[in-house]
Amino acid sequence: MALIPAPISAFIDATNAGDSDAFVAAFAEDGSLDDWGRVAHGRDGIREWDRTDNIGKQSHFELVDIAEEAAPETYLVHLAVTGNGFNGTSPFRFTVRDGLIQSVVIVPD
């Protein structure tokens, strides 16, 4: 299993702590999050997604595995998700740039 880059750890830790400010701060200013085709752009959009679909649903993430992909600083991360929204294991594709998350795509299985 690959080492977990700090921004991905921050994404998981902030969610589990219910810390929306830390969650949003893990993303680049122009970052994005694609939740099965519903895309949140920039930190304001990501904060809204967090409110409606993540910390707002009391989500909790448990790392199942992580693998570095061929593209630079891109990782496929499987997270077990529990809470008052989606529950199950889901693949997340993270692209990291300059120590922040540039993009997250929640990949349909």
C-alpha atoms as a PDB file:
ATOM      1  CA  MET A   1       0.000   0.000   0.000  1.00  0.00           C
ATOM      2  CA  ALA A   2       1.325   3.463  -0.915  1.00  0.00           C
ATOM      3  CA  LEU A   3       1.993   6.068   1.728  1.00  0.00           C
ATOM      4  CA  ILE A   4      -0.945   8.368   2.351  1.00  0.00           C
ATOM      5  CA  PRO A   5      -0.209  11.912   1.140  1.00  0.00           C
ATOM      6  CA  ALA A   6      -0.897  14.577   3.777  1.00  0.00           C
ATOM      7  CA  PRO A   7      -3.846  16.215   1.926  1.00  0.00           C
ATOM      8  CA  ILE A   8      -5.636  12.861   1.640  1.00  0.00           C
ATOM      9  CA  SER A   9      -5.041  12.211   5.343  1.00  0.00           C
ATOM     10  CA  ALA A  10      -6.433  15.694   6.052  1.00  0.00           C
ATOM     11  CA  PHE A  11      -9.548  14.876   3.955  1.00  0.00           C
ATOM     12  CA  ILE A  12     -10.162  11.721   6.015  1.00  0.00           C
ATOM     13  CA  ASP A  13      -9.214  13.183   9.407  1.00  0.00           C
ATOM     14  CA  ALA A  14     -11.268  16.372   8.957  1.00  0.00           C
ATOM     15  CA  THR A  15     -14.333  14.336   7.975  1.00  0.00           C
ATOM     16  CA  ASN A  16     -13.963  12.037  10.961  1.00  0.00           C
ATOM     17  CA  ALA A  17     -13.496  15.027  13.306  1.00  0.00           C
ATOM     18  CA  GLY A  18     -16.481  16.889  11.823  1.00  0.00           C
ATOM     19  CA  ASP A  19     -14.182  19.834  11.006  1.00  0.00           C
ATOM     20  CA  SER A  20     -15.582  21.500   7.885  1.00  0.00           C
ATOM     21  CA  ASP A  21     -12.949  24.254   7.842  1.00  0.00           C
ATOM     22  CA  ALA A  22     -10.104  21.714   7.837  1.00  0.00           C
ATOM     23  CA  PHE A  23     -11.927  19.653   5.195  1.00  0.00           C
ATOM     24  CA  VAL A  24     -12.223  22.602   2.813  1.00  0.00           C
ATOM     25  CA  ALA A  25      -8.653  23.757   3.579  1.00  0.00           C
ATOM     26  CA  ALA A  26      -7.318  20.425   2.251  1.00  0.00           C
ATOM     27  CA  PHE A  27      -8.376  21.550  -1.263  1.00  0.00           C
ATOM     28  CA  ALA A  28      -6.699  23.971  -3.655  1.00  0.00           C
ATOM     29  CA  GLU A  29      -8.611  27.230  -4.196  1.00  0.00           C
ATOM     30  CA  ASP A  30      -9.646  25.983  -7.649  1.00  0.00           C
ATOM     31  CA  GLY A  31     -10.120  22.373  -6.536  1.00  0.00           C
ATOM     32  CA  SER A  32     -13.086  20.214  -7.454  1.00  0.00           C
ATOM     33  CA  LEU A  33     -15.030  17.245  -6.166  1.00  0.00           C
ATOM     34  CA  ASP A  34     -17.030  15.065  -8.558  1.00  0.00           C
ATOM     35  CA  ASP A  35     -19.664  12.961  -6.800  1.00  0.00           C
ATOM     36  CA  TRP A  36     -20.925  10.665  -9.569  1.00  0.00           C
ATOM     37  CA  GLY A  37     -21.226  13.528 -12.048  1.00  0.00           C
ATOM     38  CA  ARG A  38     -22.381  16.215  -9.606  1.00  0.00           C
ATOM     39  CA  VAL A  39     -19.344  18.497  -9.486  1.00  0.00           C
ATOM     40  CA  ALA A  40     -18.508  20.971  -6.741  1.00  0.00           C
ATOM     41  CA  HIS A  41     -16.088  23.684  -7.904  1.00  0.00           C
ATOM     42  CA  GLY A  42     -13.792  25.756  -5.716  1.00  0.00           C
ATOM     43  CA  ARG A  43     -13.758  25.898  -1.956  1.00  0.00           C
ATOM     44  CA  ASP A  44     -17.284  27.382  -1.741  1.00  0.00           C
ATOM     45  CA  GLY A  45     -18.726  24.551  -3.813  1.00  0.00           C
ATOM     46  CA  ILE A  46     -16.778  21.959  -1.853  1.00  0.00           C
ATOM     47  CA  ARG A  47     -17.989  23.484   1.436  1.00  0.00           C
ATOM     48  CA  GLU A  48     -21.584  23.161   0.205  1.00  0.00           C
ATOM     49  CA  TRP A  49     -21.049  19.507  -0.808  1.00  0.00           C
ATOM     50  CA  ASP A  50     -19.479  18.863   2.583  1.00  0.00           C
ATOM     51  CA  ARG A  51     -22.534  20.397   4.279  1.00  0.00           C
ATOM     52  CA  THR A  52     -25.076  18.353   2.303  1.00  0.00           C
ATOM     53  CA  ASP A  53     -23.261  15.078   1.635  1.00  0.00           C
ATOM     54  CA  ASN A  54     -20.331  14.600   4.002  1.00  0.00           C
ATOM     55  CA  ILE A  55     -19.875  16.138   7.446  1.00  0.00           C
ATOM     56  CA  GLY A  56     -23.489  17.315   7.269  1.00  0.00           C
ATOM     57  CA  LYS A  57     -24.410  13.616   7.088  1.00  0.00           C
ATOM     58  CA  GLN A  58     -22.021  12.688   9.942  1.00  0.00           C
ATOM     59  CA  SER A  59     -19.877  10.670   7.537  1.00  0.00           C
ATOM     60  CA  HIS A  60     -16.968   8.648   8.843  1.00  0.00           C
ATOM     61  CA  PHE A  61     -14.171   7.331   6.629  1.00  0.00           C
ATOM     62  CA  GLU A  62     -12.025   4.272   7.189  1.00  0.00           C
ATOM     63  CA  LEU A  63      -9.110   3.740   4.795  1.00  0.00           C
ATOM     64  CA  VAL A  64      -9.326   0.348   3.087  1.00  0.00           C
ATOM     65  CA  ASP A  65      -6.430   0.774   0.644  1.00  0.00           C
ATOM     66  CA  ILE A  66      -4.534   3.289  -1.455  1.00  0.00           C
ATOM     67  CA  ALA A  67      -2.613   2.842  -4.698  1.00  0.00           C
ATOM     68  CA  GLU A  68      -0.595   5.370  -6.655  1.00  0.00           C
ATOM     69  CA  GLU A  69      -1.740   5.560 -10.268  1.00  0.00           C
ATOM     70  CA  ALA A  70       0.291   6.206 -13.419  1.00  0.00           C
ATOM     71  CA  ALA A  71      -0.576   9.914 -13.589  1.00  0.00           C
ATOM     72  CA  PRO A  72       1.657  12.036 -11.350  1.00  0.00           C
ATOM     73  CA  GLU A  73       0.327  12.585  -7.823  1.00  0.00           C
ATOM     74  CA  THR A  74      -2.864  10.644  -8.532  1.00  0.00           C
ATOM     75  CA  TYR A  75      -4.110   8.009  -6.096  1.00  0.00           C
ATOM     76  CA  LEU A  76      -7.002   5.562  -6.070  1.00  0.00           C
ATOM     77  CA  VAL A  77      -8.247   5.321  -2.497  1.00  0.00           C
ATOM     78  CA  HIS A  78     -10.925   2.933  -1.270  1.00  0.00           C
ATOM     79  CA  LEU A  79     -12.792   4.261   1.750  1.00  0.00           C
ATOM     80  CA  ALA A  80     -15.363   2.485   3.884  1.00  0.00           C
ATOM     81  CA  VAL A  81     -18.016   5.140   4.499  1.00  0.00           C
ATOM     82  CA  THR A  82     -20.550   5.147   7.327  1.00  0.00           C
ATOM     83  CA  GLY A  83     -22.941   7.799   8.600  1.00  0.00           C
ATOM     84  CA  ASN A  84     -26.406   9.146   7.854  1.00  0.00           C
ATOM     85  CA  GLY A  85     -25.918   9.184   4.084  1.00  0.00           C
ATOM     86  CA  PHE A  86     -24.106   6.717   1.837  1.00  0.00           C
ATOM     87  CA  ASN A  87     -22.838   3.607   3.627  1.00  0.00           C
ATOM     88  CA  GLY A  88     -20.453   1.213   1.946  1.00  0.00           C
ATOM     89  CA  THR A  89     -17.014   1.071   0.366  1.00  0.00           C
ATOM     90  CA  SER A  90     -16.317   3.450  -2.467  1.00  0.00           C
ATOM     91  CA  PRO A  91     -13.317   4.305  -4.666  1.00  0.00           C
ATOM     92  CA  PHE A  92     -12.104   7.915  -4.609  1.00  0.00           C
ATOM     93  CA  ARG A  93      -9.556   9.177  -7.160  1.00  0.00           C
ATOM     94  CA  PHE A  94      -7.452  11.991  -5.709  1.00  0.00           C
ATOM     95  CA  THR A  95      -5.128  14.297  -7.634  1.00  0.00           C
ATOM     96  CA  VAL A  96      -2.773  16.259  -5.404  1.00  0.00           C
ATOM     97  CA  ARG A  97      -0.876  19.396  -6.409  1.00  0.00           C
ATOM     98  CA  ASP A  98       1.417  21.599  -4.318  1.00  0.00           C
ATOM     99  CA  GLY A  99       0.397  19.876  -1.087  1.00  0.00           C
ATOM    100  CA  LEU A 100      -3.362  20.313  -1.628  1.00  0.00           C
ATOM    101  CA  ILE A 101      -6.137  18.295  -3.237  1.00  0.00           C
ATOM    102  CA  GLN A 102      -6.686  19.468  -6.804  1.00  0.00           C
ATOM    103  CA  SER A 103      -9.512  17.060  -7.502  1.00  0.00           C
ATOM    104  CA  VAL A 104     -11.471  14.187  -6.064  1.00  0.00           C
ATOM    105  CA  VAL A 105     -13.647  11.939  -8.203  1.00  0.00           C
ATOM    106  CA  ILE A 106     -15.919   9.524  -6.401  1.00  0.00           C
ATOM    107  CA  VAL A 107     -15.760   6.689  -8.893  1.00  0.00           C
ATOM    108  CA  PRO A 108     -18.886   4.630  -9.572  1.00  0.00           C
ATOM    109  CA  ASP A 109     -18.067   0.924  -9.040  1.00  0.00           C
END
